[in-house]
Amino acid sequence: MKALVTGGAGFIGSHIVDRLLDDGHEVTVFDDFSTGKNENLPDHDRLVVIEGDIRDYDALLNNMVGVEHVFHQAAIASVPKTIDDPIGSNAVNYQGTLHVLEAARNSGVQKVVFASSAAVYGDEPTLPKVETMLPVTLSPYAVDKLASEHACRIYHQLYGLETVCLRYFNVFGPRQDPSSPYSGVISIFADRLDQGLTPTVYGDGEQTRDYIFVSDVVEANMKAIANSAATGEVFNIATGNKTTLNQLLKTMCDLKGVDVAADYQQMRQGDIKDSYANVDKAAALLEWKADIELNQGLQNLFQQ
């Protein structure tokens, strides 16, 4: 198989690249390196790295020649940044997705797997989150992800391009940069604890999240390619378990053998109060479920 990974030098994208190479495939990484890093990528004879921007349709089209599958991971992933610059973010997060889909359609790509987000659910109060519920978006980031899902559906229905949308919940693991505004709370907490600094919690810490280890997310991407029943569908990619920020911080302190209290600040605009997933659909159609529990994932991360 020949695959292209947009955002392939980033946190999740680089893990997908590793898995594809390990499975014997040829891989092209397409990344503008605004947040991705060369050091996330191996030196490999089946890996081609292209510095390119998904806002550049011609560059995408030129680099999809002969590609069978596209893993579209590139995005501006910072909710606050999309709130500050909704037009610029839309150019990457929605129009960039259109460029990927159109280039894939015109290049004969078989399937596109799109990295969506649990952010599309917003503060819709029903828990757990299930794919059939009506989204209540709270940020431009979430709007762009939801619009991109619709674009994937339309490209499948109108043009026959196979698409799968994966709604990632809170992904964590190695290579998540704690200094980046895009980074997840686990890498930020871990960095603060390692430096003996006080972690900041926005809100009262009782907000819930569904934390999933990056290797399980990679496996979901592989299943999306392998299973024809997944085509045209949207899936929650999560564990189905909820953890409060306070519980998370206590668990991390226990694993690291430290006792640190949080610095509680006002909840940020666009943040979601509660979020955890129903994962029955992924189990049924993707034939996938998360294997790594939070404690094991944290131990894996701390051992890196």
C-alpha atoms as a PDB file:
ATOM      1  CA  MET A   1       0.000   0.000   0.000  1.00  0.00           C
ATOM      2  CA  LYS A   2       1.093   3.566  -0.686  1.00  0.00           C
ATOM      3  CA  ALA A   3      -0.249   6.024   1.885  1.00  0.00           C
ATOM      4  CA  LEU A   4      -0.091   9.775   2.434  1.00  0.00           C
ATOM      5  CA  VAL A   5      -0.354  11.261   5.923  1.00  0.00           C
ATOM      6  CA  THR A   6      -1.147  14.958   6.204  1.00  0.00           C
ATOM      7  CA  GLY A   7       0.273  16.352   9.420  1.00  0.00           C
ATOM      8  CA  GLY A   8       2.470  13.261   9.502  1.00  0.00           C
ATOM      9  CA  ALA A   9       5.235  14.945  11.498  1.00  0.00           C
ATOM     10  CA  GLY A  10       2.849  15.780  14.318  1.00  0.00           C
ATOM     11  CA  PHE A  11       1.936  13.889  17.462  1.00  0.00           C
ATOM     12  CA  ILE A  12      -0.703  11.454  16.187  1.00  0.00           C
ATOM     13  CA  GLY A  13       0.371  11.576  12.540  1.00  0.00           C
ATOM     14  CA  SER A  14       3.916  10.445  13.289  1.00  0.00           C
ATOM     15  CA  HIS A  15       2.634   7.417  15.195  1.00  0.00           C
ATOM     16  CA  ILE A  16       0.477   6.507  12.186  1.00  0.00           C
ATOM     17  CA  VAL A  17       3.577   6.846   9.991  1.00  0.00           C
ATOM     18  CA  ASP A  18       5.526   4.484  12.259  1.00  0.00           C
ATOM     19  CA  ARG A  19       2.763   1.889  12.119  1.00  0.00           C
ATOM     20  CA  LEU A  20       2.475   2.077   8.325  1.00  0.00           C
ATOM     21  CA  LEU A  21       6.224   1.639   7.924  1.00  0.00           C
ATOM     22  CA  ASP A  22       6.260  -1.234  10.405  1.00  0.00           C
ATOM     23  CA  ASP A  23       3.522  -2.904   8.344  1.00  0.00           C
ATOM     24  CA  GLY A  24       5.646  -2.635   5.185  1.00  0.00           C
ATOM     25  CA  HIS A  25       3.896   0.217   3.384  1.00  0.00           C
ATOM     26  CA  GLU A  26       5.266   3.164   1.411  1.00  0.00           C
ATOM     27  CA  VAL A  27       4.510   6.468   3.121  1.00  0.00           C
ATOM     28  CA  THR A  28       4.497  10.126   2.108  1.00  0.00           C
ATOM     29  CA  VAL A  29       4.299  12.720   4.874  1.00  0.00           C
ATOM     30  CA  PHE A  30       2.765  16.064   3.860  1.00  0.00           C
ATOM     31  CA  ASP A  31       3.327  18.614   6.631  1.00  0.00           C
ATOM     32  CA  ASP A  32       4.006  22.346   6.840  1.00  0.00           C
ATOM     33  CA  PHE A  33       6.028  21.836  10.069  1.00  0.00           C
ATOM     34  CA  SER A  34       4.201  24.645  11.834  1.00  0.00           C
ATOM     35  CA  THR A  35       3.854  22.269  14.796  1.00  0.00           C
ATOM     36  CA  GLY A  36       5.184  18.967  13.427  1.00  0.00           C
ATOM     37  CA  LYS A  37       8.827  18.068  13.988  1.00  0.00           C
ATOM     38  CA  ASN A  38      11.391  16.286  11.831  1.00  0.00           C
ATOM     39  CA  GLU A  39      12.627  14.414  14.880  1.00  0.00           C
ATOM     40  CA  ASN A  40       9.228  12.693  15.123  1.00  0.00           C
ATOM     41  CA  LEU A  41       9.987  10.905  11.842  1.00  0.00           C
ATOM     42  CA  PRO A  42      12.387   8.023  11.226  1.00  0.00           C
ATOM     43  CA  ASP A  43      15.039   7.898   8.531  1.00  0.00           C
ATOM     44  CA  HIS A  44      13.506   5.225   6.314  1.00  0.00           C
ATOM     45  CA  ASP A  45      13.860   4.230   2.674  1.00  0.00           C
ATOM     46  CA  ARG A  46      10.076   3.843   2.300  1.00  0.00           C
ATOM     47  CA  LEU A  47       9.345   7.307   3.712  1.00  0.00           C
ATOM     48  CA  VAL A  48       9.143  10.499   1.646  1.00  0.00           C
ATOM     49  CA  VAL A  49       8.734  13.786   3.529  1.00  0.00           C
ATOM     50  CA  ILE A  50       7.177  16.766   1.739  1.00  0.00           C
ATOM     51  CA  GLU A  51       7.067  20.204   3.328  1.00  0.00           C
ATOM     52  CA  GLY A  52       3.710  21.449   2.127  1.00  0.00           C
ATOM     53  CA  ASP A  53       0.556  23.244   3.209  1.00  0.00           C
ATOM     54  CA  ILE A  54      -2.927  21.724   2.799  1.00  0.00           C
ATOM     55  CA  ARG A  55      -4.125  25.158   1.699  1.00  0.00           C
ATOM     56  CA  ASP A  56      -2.052  24.530  -1.452  1.00  0.00           C
ATOM     57  CA  TYR A  57      -4.314  22.329  -3.572  1.00  0.00           C
ATOM     58  CA  ASP A  58      -1.817  21.864  -6.419  1.00  0.00           C
ATOM     59  CA  ALA A  59       0.873  20.640  -4.028  1.00  0.00           C
ATOM     60  CA  LEU A  60      -1.535  18.110  -2.550  1.00  0.00           C
ATOM     61  CA  LEU A  61      -2.618  16.929  -5.997  1.00  0.00           C
ATOM     62  CA  ASN A  62       0.982  16.523  -7.183  1.00  0.00           C
ATOM     63  CA  ASN A  63       1.899  14.407  -4.173  1.00  0.00           C
ATOM     64  CA  MET A  64      -1.113  12.086  -4.302  1.00  0.00           C
ATOM     65  CA  VAL A  65      -0.058  10.411  -7.542  1.00  0.00           C
ATOM     66  CA  GLY A  66      -0.238   6.658  -6.963  1.00  0.00           C
ATOM     67  CA  VAL A  67      -1.496   7.027  -3.390  1.00  0.00           C
ATOM     68  CA  GLU A  68      -4.135   4.505  -2.319  1.00  0.00           C
ATOM     69  CA  HIS A  69      -5.032   5.759   1.155  1.00  0.00           C
ATOM     70  CA  VAL A  70      -4.869   9.176   2.834  1.00  0.00           C
ATOM     71  CA  PHE A  71      -4.793   9.728   6.589  1.00  0.00           C
ATOM     72  CA  HIS A  72      -5.805  13.364   7.030  1.00  0.00           C
ATOM     73  CA  GLN A  73      -4.398  14.491  10.380  1.00  0.00           C
ATOM     74  CA  ALA A  74      -3.321  18.072   9.578  1.00  0.00           C
ATOM     75  CA  ALA A  75      -5.206  20.807  11.426  1.00  0.00           C
ATOM     76  CA  ILE A  76      -4.989  23.817  13.669  1.00  0.00           C
ATOM     77  CA  ALA A  77      -5.874  21.901  16.813  1.00  0.00           C
ATOM     78  CA  SER A  78      -5.924  24.763  19.328  1.00  0.00           C
ATOM     79  CA  VAL A  79      -9.485  25.766  20.216  1.00  0.00           C
ATOM     80  CA  PRO A  80      -8.354  29.180  21.587  1.00  0.00           C
ATOM     81  CA  LYS A  81      -6.446  29.903  18.389  1.00  0.00           C
ATOM     82  CA  THR A  82      -9.530  29.186  16.264  1.00  0.00           C
ATOM     83  CA  ILE A  83     -11.538  31.519  18.496  1.00  0.00           C
ATOM     84  CA  ASP A  84      -8.944  34.267  17.969  1.00  0.00           C
ATOM     85  CA  ASP A  85      -8.684  33.678  14.209  1.00  0.00           C
ATOM     86  CA  PRO A  86     -11.785  31.878  12.873  1.00  0.00           C
ATOM     87  CA  ILE A  87     -11.157  32.828   9.238  1.00  0.00           C
ATOM     88  CA  GLY A  88      -7.536  31.713   9.196  1.00  0.00           C
ATOM     89  CA  SER A  89      -8.427  28.522  11.038  1.00  0.00           C
ATOM     90  CA  ASN A  90     -11.244  27.767   8.616  1.00  0.00           C
ATOM     91  CA  ALA A  91      -8.788  28.025   5.721  1.00  0.00           C
ATOM     92  CA  VAL A  92      -6.830  25.139   7.229  1.00  0.00           C
ATOM     93  CA  ASN A  93      -9.404  23.082   9.095  1.00  0.00           C
ATOM     94  CA  TYR A  94     -12.288  23.123   6.633  1.00  0.00           C
ATOM     95  CA  GLN A  95     -11.023  24.401   3.287  1.00  0.00           C
ATOM     96  CA  GLY A  96      -7.845  22.372   3.771  1.00  0.00           C
ATOM     97  CA  THR A  97      -9.999  19.273   4.179  1.00  0.00           C
ATOM     98  CA  LEU A  98     -11.828  20.138   0.958  1.00  0.00           C
ATOM     99  CA  HIS A  99      -8.456  20.356  -0.785  1.00  0.00           C
ATOM    100  CA  VAL A 100      -7.487  16.934   0.553  1.00  0.00           C
ATOM    101  CA  LEU A 101     -10.785  15.389  -0.553  1.00  0.00           C
ATOM    102  CA  GLU A 102     -10.719  16.988  -4.003  1.00  0.00           C
ATOM    103  CA  ALA A 103      -7.095  16.019  -4.594  1.00  0.00           C
ATOM    104  CA  ALA A 104      -7.899  12.479  -3.475  1.00  0.00           C
ATOM    105  CA  ARG A 105     -10.897  12.319  -5.821  1.00  0.00           C
ATOM    106  CA  ASN A 106      -8.854  13.532  -8.775  1.00  0.00           C
ATOM    107  CA  SER A 107      -5.908  11.252  -7.991  1.00  0.00           C
ATOM    108  CA  GLY A 108      -7.815   8.000  -7.772  1.00  0.00           C
ATOM    109  CA  VAL A 109      -7.277   7.584  -4.026  1.00  0.00           C
ATOM    110  CA  GLN A 110      -9.320   4.707  -2.644  1.00  0.00           C
ATOM    111  CA  LYS A 111     -10.025   5.922   0.901  1.00  0.00           C
ATOM    112  CA  VAL A 112      -9.553   8.993   3.087  1.00  0.00           C
ATOM    113  CA  VAL A 113      -9.564   8.645   6.877  1.00  0.00           C
ATOM    114  CA  PHE A 114     -10.318  12.000   8.481  1.00  0.00           C
ATOM    115  CA  ALA A 115      -9.267  12.998  12.005  1.00  0.00           C
ATOM    116  CA  SER A 116     -12.353  14.617  13.482  1.00  0.00           C
ATOM    117  CA  SER A 117     -12.925  15.495  17.120  1.00  0.00           C
ATOM    118  CA  ALA A 118     -15.207  14.993  20.099  1.00  0.00           C
ATOM    119  CA  ALA A 119     -15.400  18.794  20.122  1.00  0.00           C
ATOM    120  CA  VAL A 120     -18.268  18.546  17.621  1.00  0.00           C
ATOM    121  CA  TYR A 121     -20.579  17.450  20.459  1.00  0.00           C
ATOM    122  CA  GLY A 122     -20.007  20.629  22.426  1.00  0.00           C
ATOM    123  CA  ASP A 123     -22.077  20.853  25.601  1.00  0.00           C
ATOM    124  CA  GLU A 124     -24.981  18.731  24.399  1.00  0.00           C
ATOM    125  CA  PRO A 125     -25.896  17.368  27.848  1.00  0.00           C
ATOM    126  CA  THR A 126     -26.503  13.719  26.953  1.00  0.00           C
ATOM    127  CA  LEU A 127     -23.829  11.348  28.238  1.00  0.00           C
ATOM    128  CA  PRO A 128     -22.158   9.296  26.970  1.00  0.00           C
ATOM    129  CA  LYS A 129     -21.723  10.940  23.574  1.00  0.00           C
ATOM    130  CA  VAL A 130     -23.148   8.850  20.746  1.00  0.00           C
ATOM    131  CA  GLU A 131     -22.626   9.455  17.034  1.00  0.00           C
ATOM    132  CA  THR A 132     -26.340   9.957  16.313  1.00  0.00           C
ATOM    133  CA  MET A 133     -26.856  12.893  18.681  1.00  0.00           C
ATOM    134  CA  LEU A 134     -27.217  16.443  17.408  1.00  0.00           C
ATOM    135  CA  PRO A 135     -23.910  18.345  17.738  1.00  0.00           C
ATOM    136  CA  VAL A 136     -23.897  21.626  19.664  1.00  0.00           C
ATOM    137  CA  THR A 137     -20.594  23.210  18.639  1.00  0.00           C
ATOM    138  CA  LEU A 138     -18.926  25.757  20.935  1.00  0.00           C
ATOM    139  CA  SER A 139     -15.929  26.913  18.876  1.00  0.00           C
ATOM    140  CA  PRO A 140     -14.813  27.582  15.293  1.00  0.00           C
ATOM    141  CA  TYR A 141     -12.596  24.517  15.648  1.00  0.00           C
ATOM    142  CA  ALA A 142     -15.631  22.320  16.303  1.00  0.00           C
ATOM    143  CA  VAL A 143     -17.612  23.949  13.469  1.00  0.00           C
ATOM    144  CA  ASP A 144     -14.773  23.260  11.007  1.00  0.00           C
ATOM    145  CA  LYS A 145     -14.476  19.639  12.114  1.00  0.00           C
ATOM    146  CA  LEU A 146     -18.211  19.078  11.778  1.00  0.00           C
ATOM    147  CA  ALA A 147     -18.303  20.757   8.362  1.00  0.00           C
ATOM    148  CA  SER A 148     -15.377  18.565   7.287  1.00  0.00           C
ATOM    149  CA  GLU A 149     -17.306  15.470   8.334  1.00  0.00           C
ATOM    150  CA  HIS A 150     -20.194  16.579   6.121  1.00  0.00           C
ATOM    151  CA  ALA A 151     -17.764  17.161   3.268  1.00  0.00           C
ATOM    152  CA  CYS A 152     -16.422  13.619   3.692  1.00  0.00           C
ATOM    153  CA  ARG A 153     -19.970  12.246   3.575  1.00  0.00           C
ATOM    154  CA  ILE A 154     -20.787  14.225   0.433  1.00  0.00           C
ATOM    155  CA  TYR A 155     -17.601  13.154  -1.334  1.00  0.00           C
ATOM    156  CA  HIS A 156     -18.521   9.556  -0.602  1.00  0.00           C
ATOM    157  CA  GLN A 157     -22.138   9.916  -1.717  1.00  0.00           C
ATOM    158  CA  LEU A 158     -21.583  12.088  -4.795  1.00  0.00           C
ATOM    159  CA  TYR A 159     -18.193  10.989  -6.053  1.00  0.00           C
ATOM    160  CA  GLY A 160     -17.688   7.502  -4.679  1.00  0.00           C
ATOM    161  CA  LEU A 161     -14.584   8.425  -2.684  1.00  0.00           C
ATOM    162  CA  GLU A 162     -14.435   6.146   0.342  1.00  0.00           C
ATOM    163  CA  THR A 163     -14.230   8.165   3.554  1.00  0.00           C
ATOM    164  CA  VAL A 164     -14.208   7.407   7.265  1.00  0.00           C
ATOM    165  CA  CYS A 165     -14.401  10.038  10.017  1.00  0.00           C
ATOM    166  CA  LEU A 166     -12.876   9.301  13.412  1.00  0.00           C
ATOM    167  CA  ARG A 167     -13.944  11.532  16.289  1.00  0.00           C
ATOM    168  CA  TYR A 168     -10.897  11.507  18.544  1.00  0.00           C
ATOM    169  CA  PHE A 169     -11.524  12.145  22.204  1.00  0.00           C
ATOM    170  CA  ASN A 170      -8.585  13.139  24.449  1.00  0.00           C
ATOM    171  CA  VAL A 171      -5.535  11.498  22.907  1.00  0.00           C
ATOM    172  CA  PHE A 172      -2.275  11.250  24.866  1.00  0.00           C
ATOM    173  CA  GLY A 173       1.092   9.575  24.523  1.00  0.00           C
ATOM    174  CA  PRO A 174       4.734  10.123  23.562  1.00  0.00           C
ATOM    175  CA  ARG A 175       5.695  13.100  21.320  1.00  0.00           C
ATOM    176  CA  GLN A 176       2.968  15.387  22.628  1.00  0.00           C
ATOM    177  CA  ASP A 177       4.765  18.710  23.082  1.00  0.00           C
ATOM    178  CA  PRO A 178       3.829  20.274  26.453  1.00  0.00           C
ATOM    179  CA  SER A 179       5.065  23.694  25.322  1.00  0.00           C
ATOM    180  CA  SER A 180       2.639  23.797  22.407  1.00  0.00           C
ATOM    181  CA  PRO A 181      -0.777  25.488  22.641  1.00  0.00           C
ATOM    182  CA  TYR A 182      -2.068  22.440  20.759  1.00  0.00           C
ATOM    183  CA  SER A 183      -1.015  20.015  23.445  1.00  0.00           C
ATOM    184  CA  GLY A 184      -3.265  17.936  25.665  1.00  0.00           C
ATOM    185  CA  VAL A 185      -3.651  18.326  29.404  1.00  0.00           C
ATOM    186  CA  ILE A 186      -1.761  15.124  30.242  1.00  0.00           C
ATOM    187  CA  SER A 187       1.484  16.237  28.609  1.00  0.00           C
ATOM    188  CA  ILE A 188       1.136  19.683  30.200  1.00  0.00           C
ATOM    189  CA  PHE A 189       0.464  18.227  33.664  1.00  0.00           C
ATOM    190  CA  ALA A 190       3.387  15.795  33.279  1.00  0.00           C
ATOM    191  CA  ASP A 191       5.757  18.581  32.311  1.00  0.00           C
ATOM    192  CA  ARG A 192       4.669  20.766  35.244  1.00  0.00           C
ATOM    193  CA  LEU A 193       5.053  17.898  37.710  1.00  0.00           C
ATOM    194  CA  ASP A 194       8.510  17.038  36.357  1.00  0.00           C
ATOM    195  CA  GLN A 195       9.584  20.659  36.878  1.00  0.00           C
ATOM    196  CA  GLY A 196       8.092  20.831  40.369  1.00  0.00           C
ATOM    197  CA  LEU A 197       5.605  23.440  39.215  1.00  0.00           C
ATOM    198  CA  THR A 198       1.914  23.796  40.035  1.00  0.00           C
ATOM    199  CA  PRO A 199      -0.433  22.531  37.287  1.00  0.00           C
ATOM    200  CA  THR A 200      -3.193  24.912  36.222  1.00  0.00           C
ATOM    201  CA  VAL A 201      -6.770  23.622  36.119  1.00  0.00           C
ATOM    202  CA  TYR A 202      -9.357  25.735  34.333  1.00  0.00           C
ATOM    203  CA  GLY A 203     -12.652  25.420  36.196  1.00  0.00           C
ATOM    204  CA  ASP A 204     -13.267  23.353  39.329  1.00  0.00           C
ATOM    205  CA  GLY A 205     -11.524  20.247  38.004  1.00  0.00           C
ATOM    206  CA  GLU A 206     -14.703  18.194  38.033  1.00  0.00           C
ATOM    207  CA  GLN A 207     -15.097  18.350  34.244  1.00  0.00           C
ATOM    208  CA  THR A 208     -14.828  14.894  32.714  1.00  0.00           C
ATOM    209  CA  ARG A 209     -12.841  13.628  29.738  1.00  0.00           C
ATOM    210  CA  ASP A 210     -12.290  10.317  27.956  1.00  0.00           C
ATOM    211  CA  TYR A 211      -8.516   9.821  27.654  1.00  0.00           C
ATOM    212  CA  ILE A 212      -7.236   7.446  24.976  1.00  0.00           C
ATOM    213  CA  PHE A 213      -3.678   6.315  24.369  1.00  0.00           C
ATOM    214  CA  VAL A 214      -2.206   7.131  20.970  1.00  0.00           C
ATOM    215  CA  SER A 215      -1.491   3.513  19.961  1.00  0.00           C
ATOM    216  CA  ASP A 216      -5.216   2.747  20.227  1.00  0.00           C
ATOM    217  CA  VAL A 217      -5.953   5.716  17.958  1.00  0.00           C
ATOM    218  CA  VAL A 218      -3.430   4.397  15.427  1.00  0.00           C
ATOM    219  CA  GLU A 219      -5.131   1.003  15.475  1.00  0.00           C
ATOM    220  CA  ALA A 220      -8.496   2.668  14.825  1.00  0.00           C
ATOM    221  CA  ASN A 221      -7.003   4.308  11.730  1.00  0.00           C
ATOM    222  CA  MET A 222      -5.748   0.934  10.491  1.00  0.00           C
ATOM    223  CA  LYS A 223      -9.178  -0.629  11.071  1.00  0.00           C
ATOM    224  CA  ALA A 224     -10.802   2.243   9.163  1.00  0.00           C
ATOM    225  CA  ILE A 225      -8.760   1.292   6.107  1.00  0.00           C
ATOM    226  CA  ALA A 226      -9.283  -2.452   6.491  1.00  0.00           C
ATOM    227  CA  ASN A 227     -13.028  -2.662   7.139  1.00  0.00           C
ATOM    228  CA  SER A 228     -15.385  -1.902   4.266  1.00  0.00           C
ATOM    229  CA  ALA A 229     -18.314  -1.594   6.705  1.00  0.00           C
ATOM    230  CA  ALA A 230     -16.706   1.571   8.050  1.00  0.00           C
ATOM    231  CA  THR A 231     -16.895   3.434   4.736  1.00  0.00           C
ATOM    232  CA  GLY A 232     -19.024   6.574   4.842  1.00  0.00           C
ATOM    233  CA  GLU A 233     -19.372   6.393   8.626  1.00  0.00           C
ATOM    234  CA  VAL A 234     -18.408   8.471  11.672  1.00  0.00           C
ATOM    235  CA  PHE A 235     -17.000   6.842  14.800  1.00  0.00           C
ATOM    236  CA  ASN A 236     -16.154   7.826  18.355  1.00  0.00           C
ATOM    237  CA  ILE A 237     -12.549   6.887  19.105  1.00  0.00           C
ATOM    238  CA  ALA A 238     -12.334   6.687  22.874  1.00  0.00           C
ATOM    239  CA  THR A 239     -12.327   4.259  25.795  1.00  0.00           C
ATOM    240  CA  GLY A 240     -15.895   4.799  26.966  1.00  0.00           C
ATOM    241  CA  ASN A 241     -14.604   5.765  30.434  1.00  0.00           C
ATOM    242  CA  LYS A 242     -14.801   9.171  32.111  1.00  0.00           C
ATOM    243  CA  THR A 243     -12.172  10.778  34.331  1.00  0.00           C
ATOM    244  CA  THR A 244     -12.312  14.152  36.049  1.00  0.00           C
ATOM    245  CA  LEU A 245      -9.319  16.470  35.843  1.00  0.00           C
ATOM    246  CA  ASN A 246      -8.964  16.188  39.600  1.00  0.00           C
ATOM    247  CA  GLN A 247      -8.853  12.383  39.352  1.00  0.00           C
ATOM    248  CA  LEU A 248      -6.366  12.617  36.505  1.00  0.00           C
ATOM    249  CA  LEU A 249      -4.020  14.892  38.432  1.00  0.00           C
ATOM    250  CA  LYS A 250      -4.180  12.676  41.529  1.00  0.00           C
ATOM    251  CA  THR A 251      -3.411   9.559  39.453  1.00  0.00           C
ATOM    252  CA  MET A 252      -0.461  11.275  37.795  1.00  0.00           C
ATOM    253  CA  CYS A 253       0.864  12.505  41.159  1.00  0.00           C
ATOM    254  CA  ASP A 254       0.566   8.990  42.604  1.00  0.00           C
ATOM    255  CA  LEU A 255       2.438   7.445  39.658  1.00  0.00           C
ATOM    256  CA  LYS A 256       5.192  10.051  39.917  1.00  0.00           C
ATOM    257  CA  GLY A 257       5.351   9.909  43.715  1.00  0.00           C
ATOM    258  CA  VAL A 258       4.617  13.593  44.263  1.00  0.00           C
ATOM    259  CA  ASP A 259       1.917  15.555  46.083  1.00  0.00           C
ATOM    260  CA  VAL A 260       0.994  18.718  44.208  1.00  0.00           C
ATOM    261  CA  ALA A 261      -2.159  20.833  44.464  1.00  0.00           C
ATOM    262  CA  ALA A 262      -3.665  22.449  41.379  1.00  0.00           C
ATOM    263  CA  ASP A 263      -3.931  26.168  40.685  1.00  0.00           C
ATOM    264  CA  TYR A 264      -7.610  26.636  39.821  1.00  0.00           C
ATOM    265  CA  GLN A 265      -8.430  29.341  37.288  1.00  0.00           C
ATOM    266  CA  GLN A 266     -11.590  30.477  35.518  1.00  0.00           C
ATOM    267  CA  MET A 267     -12.868  28.072  32.867  1.00  0.00           C
ATOM    268  CA  ARG A 268     -11.807  29.084  29.354  1.00  0.00           C
ATOM    269  CA  GLN A 269     -14.131  30.138  26.555  1.00  0.00           C
ATOM    270  CA  GLY A 270     -15.012  27.228  24.290  1.00  0.00           C
ATOM    271  CA  ASP A 271     -14.121  24.563  26.867  1.00  0.00           C
ATOM    272  CA  ILE A 272     -16.544  21.677  27.317  1.00  0.00           C
ATOM    273  CA  LYS A 273     -17.756  20.612  30.769  1.00  0.00           C
ATOM    274  CA  ASP A 274     -18.304  16.884  30.327  1.00  0.00           C
ATOM    275  CA  SER A 275     -17.292  14.471  27.606  1.00  0.00           C
ATOM    276  CA  TYR A 276     -17.028  10.720  27.352  1.00  0.00           C
ATOM    277  CA  ALA A 277     -18.034   8.361  24.601  1.00  0.00           C
ATOM    278  CA  ASN A 278     -20.278   5.512  23.691  1.00  0.00           C
ATOM    279  CA  VAL A 279     -18.027   3.259  21.587  1.00  0.00           C
ATOM    280  CA  ASP A 280     -20.514   0.555  20.548  1.00  0.00           C
ATOM    281  CA  LYS A 281     -20.547   1.622  16.897  1.00  0.00           C
ATOM    282  CA  ALA A 282     -16.771   1.374  16.594  1.00  0.00           C
ATOM    283  CA  ALA A 283     -16.867  -2.085  18.149  1.00  0.00           C
ATOM    284  CA  ALA A 284     -19.556  -3.247  15.731  1.00  0.00           C
ATOM    285  CA  LEU A 285     -18.437  -1.753  12.393  1.00  0.00           C
ATOM    286  CA  LEU A 286     -14.748  -0.958  12.858  1.00  0.00           C
ATOM    287  CA  GLU A 287     -14.208  -4.115  14.906  1.00  0.00           C
ATOM    288  CA  TRP A 288     -12.131  -1.917  17.206  1.00  0.00           C
ATOM    289  CA  LYS A 289     -11.953  -1.099  20.890  1.00  0.00           C
ATOM    290  CA  ALA A 290      -9.333   0.594  23.034  1.00  0.00           C
ATOM    291  CA  ASP A 291      -6.965  -1.836  24.753  1.00  0.00           C
ATOM    292  CA  ILE A 292      -4.972   0.482  27.023  1.00  0.00           C
ATOM    293  CA  GLU A 293      -6.508   1.796  30.232  1.00  0.00           C
ATOM    294  CA  LEU A 294      -5.583   5.264  31.528  1.00  0.00           C
ATOM    295  CA  ASN A 295      -3.195   4.034  34.235  1.00  0.00           C
ATOM    296  CA  GLN A 296      -1.329   1.769  31.815  1.00  0.00           C
ATOM    297  CA  GLY A 297      -1.145   4.537  29.213  1.00  0.00           C
ATOM    298  CA  LEU A 298       0.253   6.952  31.784  1.00  0.00           C
ATOM    299  CA  GLN A 299       2.857   4.391  32.842  1.00  0.00           C
ATOM    300  CA  ASN A 300       3.808   3.867  29.178  1.00  0.00           C
ATOM    301  CA  LEU A 301       4.159   7.619  28.739  1.00  0.00           C
ATOM    302  CA  PHE A 302       6.246   8.133  31.877  1.00  0.00           C
ATOM    303  CA  GLN A 303       8.625   5.345  30.864  1.00  0.00           C
ATOM    304  CA  GLN A 304       9.548   7.072  27.593  1.00  0.00           C
END
